[in-house]
Protein backbone atom coordinates (compact mmCIF):
# COMPACT_ATOMS: atom_id res chain seq x y z
CA MET A 1 96.48 131.01 99.87
CA THR A 2 93.68 133.59 99.97
CA LEU A 3 91.23 133.42 96.96
CA ASN A 4 90.71 137.15 96.79
CA THR A 5 94.09 138.18 96.80
CA GLN A 6 94.64 138.09 92.67
CA PRO A 7 92.30 138.42 89.67
CA PRO A 8 90.91 134.89 88.77
CA LYS A 9 92.98 132.91 86.22
CA TYR A 10 91.54 129.29 86.51
CA ASN A 11 88.62 127.78 84.17
CA LEU A 12 86.14 125.54 85.83
CA LEU A 13 83.82 122.77 84.71
CA TYR A 14 80.70 122.57 87.07
CA ILE A 15 78.26 119.67 86.08
CA GLU A 16 75.02 119.27 88.36
CA ASP A 17 71.74 118.17 86.69
CA GLU A 18 69.31 120.33 88.94
CA ALA A 19 69.46 123.67 87.33
CA PRO A 20 68.39 125.71 90.39
CA ILE A 21 71.03 124.11 92.18
CA ARG A 22 73.47 124.82 89.27
CA MET A 23 72.47 128.39 89.02
CA ILE A 24 73.21 129.44 92.64
CA THR A 25 76.17 127.51 93.11
CA SER A 26 77.83 129.13 89.86
CA MET A 27 76.54 132.53 91.16
CA PHE A 28 78.86 131.67 94.19
CA LEU A 29 81.80 130.46 92.36
CA GLU A 30 81.75 132.98 89.72
CA PRO A 31 84.08 135.72 91.70
CA TYR A 32 86.64 132.85 91.68
CA PHE A 33 87.20 131.68 88.47
CA ASN A 34 88.31 133.39 85.03
CA LYS A 35 85.33 131.15 83.17
CA ILE A 36 82.77 128.58 84.36
CA PHE A 37 81.55 126.01 81.80
CA GLU A 38 78.32 124.44 82.87
CA ALA A 39 77.19 120.76 82.32
CA SER A 40 74.04 119.05 83.36
CA ASN A 41 75.29 115.47 82.85
CA GLY A 42 78.28 113.36 82.16
CA ILE A 43 78.13 113.11 78.48
CA GLU A 44 77.70 116.86 78.05
CA ALA A 45 80.56 117.28 80.31
CA ILE A 46 83.07 115.02 78.29
CA LYS A 47 82.61 116.96 75.34
CA ILE A 48 83.11 120.47 77.30
CA TYR A 49 86.44 118.99 79.02
CA GLN A 50 87.47 117.68 75.52
CA GLN A 51 86.77 121.51 73.88
CA GLU A 52 88.00 123.51 76.68
CA ARG A 53 90.35 121.81 78.97
CA PRO A 54 89.20 123.21 82.42
CA ASP A 55 91.78 123.75 85.31
CA ILE A 56 89.45 122.51 87.88
CA ILE A 57 86.16 120.23 88.03
CA ILE A 58 83.55 120.20 90.23
CA THR A 59 80.69 117.36 89.48
CA ASP A 60 77.78 116.11 91.47
CA ILE A 61 77.69 112.14 91.24
CA GLU A 62 73.88 111.49 90.87
CA MET A 63 73.05 112.52 87.25
CA PRO A 64 71.49 110.97 84.07
CA LYS A 65 73.29 109.55 81.39
CA MET A 66 76.59 109.23 83.17
CA ASN A 67 76.96 109.64 86.61
CA GLY A 68 79.74 111.37 88.34
CA LEU A 69 82.08 108.71 88.90
CA GLU A 70 81.88 107.42 85.53
CA PHE A 71 82.57 111.00 84.18
CA CYS A 72 85.61 110.96 86.61
CA LYS A 73 86.95 107.61 85.38
CA LYS A 74 86.66 108.65 81.71
CA ILE A 75 88.49 111.96 82.53
CA ARG A 76 91.29 109.97 84.55
CA GLU A 77 91.73 107.54 81.54
CA GLU A 78 93.60 110.40 80.05
CA ASP A 79 94.27 113.31 82.66
CA LYS A 80 95.53 112.02 86.09
CA ASP A 81 96.11 115.74 87.33
CA THR A 82 93.21 117.93 86.85
CA PRO A 83 91.65 118.58 90.30
CA ILE A 84 88.13 116.89 90.53
CA VAL A 85 85.83 117.69 93.37
CA ILE A 86 82.94 115.18 93.66
CA ILE A 87 79.36 116.48 95.52
CA THR A 88 77.02 114.05 96.55
CA ALA A 89 74.29 113.12 99.07
CA HIS A 90 75.74 109.54 99.48
CA THR A 91 78.45 109.08 102.16
CA SER A 92 78.96 105.15 101.90
CA ILE A 93 82.53 103.67 102.33
CA GLU A 94 82.05 102.15 98.98
CA TYR A 95 81.71 105.62 97.36
CA LEU A 96 84.61 106.96 99.40
CA LEU A 97 86.95 104.36 98.53
CA GLU A 98 86.01 104.73 94.35
CA ALA A 99 86.51 108.67 95.01
CA VAL A 100 90.23 108.01 96.64
CA SER A 101 91.11 105.58 93.85
CA LEU A 102 90.35 108.19 91.32
CA ASN A 103 92.81 110.71 92.97
CA LEU A 104 89.97 113.36 93.76
CA ILE A 105 90.65 116.46 95.76
CA LYS A 106 87.72 116.24 98.33
CA TYR A 107 84.47 114.27 98.38
CA LEU A 108 81.81 116.92 99.31
CA SER A 109 78.53 116.14 100.92
CA LYS A 110 75.10 117.80 100.18
CA PRO A 111 73.84 120.21 101.04
CA LEU A 112 77.00 122.25 100.35
CA LYS A 113 78.51 124.60 103.11
CA GLU A 114 80.37 127.93 101.96
CA ASN A 115 83.39 127.48 104.26
CA GLU A 116 84.14 123.67 103.24
CA LEU A 117 83.97 124.70 99.31
CA ILE A 118 86.24 127.86 100.11
CA GLN A 119 88.52 125.21 101.55
CA VAL A 120 88.47 123.18 98.89
CA LEU A 121 88.84 125.70 96.21
CA GLU A 122 91.91 126.85 98.04
CA ASN A 123 93.45 123.20 98.09
CA CYS A 124 92.74 123.23 94.52
CA PHE A 125 94.37 126.39 93.62
CA GLU A 126 97.30 125.61 95.59
CA GLN A 127 97.68 122.22 93.78
CA LEU A 128 97.60 124.15 90.38
CA GLU A 129 100.09 126.63 91.67
CA SER A 130 102.79 123.97 92.88
CA SER A 131 102.43 122.05 89.52
CA ASN A 132 102.17 125.15 87.24
CA PRO A 133 103.95 128.10 88.67
CA SER A 134 103.10 131.33 87.11
CA ILE A 135 106.93 132.04 86.25
CA VAL A 136 108.61 129.45 84.28
CA GLN A 137 112.30 129.28 83.07
CA LEU A 138 112.48 128.87 79.34
CA ASN A 139 116.26 128.61 79.00
CA LYS A 140 119.34 129.53 80.88
CA ALA A 141 118.36 133.37 80.61
CA LEU A 142 114.55 133.44 79.52
CA TYR A 143 111.81 133.35 81.96
CA TYR A 144 108.03 133.31 81.05
CA ASP A 145 105.40 134.90 83.17
CA THR A 146 101.78 132.90 82.47
CA PHE A 147 99.95 135.15 84.66
CA ASN A 148 100.86 138.55 82.86
CA GLN A 149 102.00 136.71 79.80
CA THR A 150 105.36 138.46 79.23
CA LEU A 151 108.68 137.00 78.27
CA SER A 152 111.85 138.46 80.32
CA GLN A 153 115.56 138.38 79.72
CA LYS A 154 117.97 139.91 82.21
CA ASN A 155 115.12 142.19 83.64
CA ASN A 156 114.23 143.32 79.87
CA LEU A 157 110.65 142.70 78.77
CA ILE A 158 110.54 140.76 75.11
CA SER A 159 107.22 141.58 73.40
CA ILE A 160 105.81 138.70 71.24
CA PRO A 161 102.50 138.37 69.59
CA LEU A 162 99.28 137.31 71.09
CA ALA A 163 99.13 134.08 69.20
CA GLN A 164 102.71 133.01 70.24
CA GLN A 165 101.76 133.91 73.98
CA LEU A 166 98.68 131.50 73.68
CA PHE A 167 100.91 128.77 72.16
CA LEU A 168 103.24 129.18 75.17
CA ASN A 169 100.38 129.03 77.74
CA ILE A 170 98.71 126.17 76.67
CA LEU A 171 102.42 124.19 76.22
CA ILE A 172 103.42 125.24 79.57
CA LYS A 173 99.80 124.57 81.24
CA ASN A 174 100.53 120.92 79.87
CA SER A 175 104.08 120.63 80.16
CA HIS A 176 104.18 117.00 81.39
CA ARG A 177 102.33 115.90 78.04
CA VAL A 178 102.19 116.49 74.22
CA VAL A 179 99.57 119.31 73.33
CA GLN A 180 97.79 117.92 70.20
CA TYR A 181 97.02 119.85 67.09
CA HIS A 182 93.33 120.27 67.60
CA GLU A 183 94.04 121.38 71.00
CA LEU A 184 96.30 124.34 69.37
CA GLU A 185 93.72 124.98 66.93
CA HIS A 186 91.02 125.58 69.42
CA GLU A 187 93.23 127.66 71.79
CA ILE A 188 94.79 129.72 69.12
CA TRP A 189 92.49 129.61 65.97
CA TYR A 190 89.22 129.43 67.75
CA ASP A 191 87.55 131.78 65.07
CA LYS A 192 89.29 130.51 62.26
CA ILE A 193 90.69 127.31 60.85
CA MET A 194 94.25 126.58 61.53
CA THR A 195 96.72 125.57 58.34
CA ALA A 196 100.01 123.72 58.63
CA ASP A 197 101.38 126.73 57.05
CA SER A 198 100.17 129.03 59.73
CA LEU A 199 101.05 126.76 62.60
CA ARG A 200 104.71 126.14 61.24
CA THR A 201 105.28 130.06 60.67
CA LEU A 202 104.13 130.83 64.40
CA VAL A 203 106.41 128.19 65.66
CA ARG A 204 109.23 129.02 63.60
CA LYS A 205 109.29 132.45 64.70
CA LEU A 206 108.71 131.74 68.57
CA ARG A 207 111.88 129.33 68.24
CA LYS A 208 113.80 132.06 67.43
CA VAL A 209 113.05 133.72 70.75
CA VAL A 210 113.06 130.87 73.00
CA GLY A 211 115.42 128.34 71.10
CA LYS A 212 114.55 125.53 68.92
CA GLU A 213 115.17 122.81 71.81
CA THR A 214 112.71 124.52 73.88
CA ILE A 215 109.88 123.66 71.63
CA GLU A 216 109.75 119.88 70.55
CA ASN A 217 107.76 118.69 67.44
CA ILE A 218 106.04 114.94 67.81
CA SER A 219 105.32 113.94 64.32
CA LYS A 220 101.83 113.84 63.44
CA THR A 221 100.75 114.58 66.96
CA GLY A 222 101.62 117.97 68.19
CA TYR A 223 104.15 119.90 70.49
CA LYS A 224 105.84 119.60 73.81
CA ILE A 225 107.61 122.08 75.78
CA ASN A 226 110.95 121.37 77.30
CA LEU A 227 111.54 123.54 80.30
CA TYR A 228 114.84 124.68 81.58
CA GLY A 229 116.59 122.74 84.46
């Protein structure tokens, strides 16, 4: 995969406690991501992760309040799949083994080399593409393109409102789990309060298009998408 062949569509959480390094690295990474969320320590990063649910995480190890490995352990308690890259000055076997146990994409040593970072990004994007293909099948005849946010059936495009697009996007991106109500509120009603009626109305209208069995309600928790096949 070549990084510059398409507009960026993934979001990054980048954690580094040294502001000058964080600024320079963020500037380098900016062309490859839709959004970059920055944090200076693990505690701050946990809050951003819970709010934004980034697609990729890059974190330093040596940080105040909560170091990078402790942060990764917290993330892996509930998220086994998001690609995580560790950056550190340490190269000890102990650190390497712990990084492997946390299912990390790569363990990079400081100072960062541009070609190594580019290769790691390619690996992360390839992992995301393989687990979250841009075109998914919702039922026997209906397909959704997450990149262009379009529904199609027998080569005909079906128009749906932005809120329904956002709802499908977050469910498809997290098709392996239940998306909780607070996540839906943050993603779709980010500038206002989500009511039970507004959520039910959105789901009811969308089910008329994609089928009731495609969108499953998990009582008192959230929604899960059941992809075809």
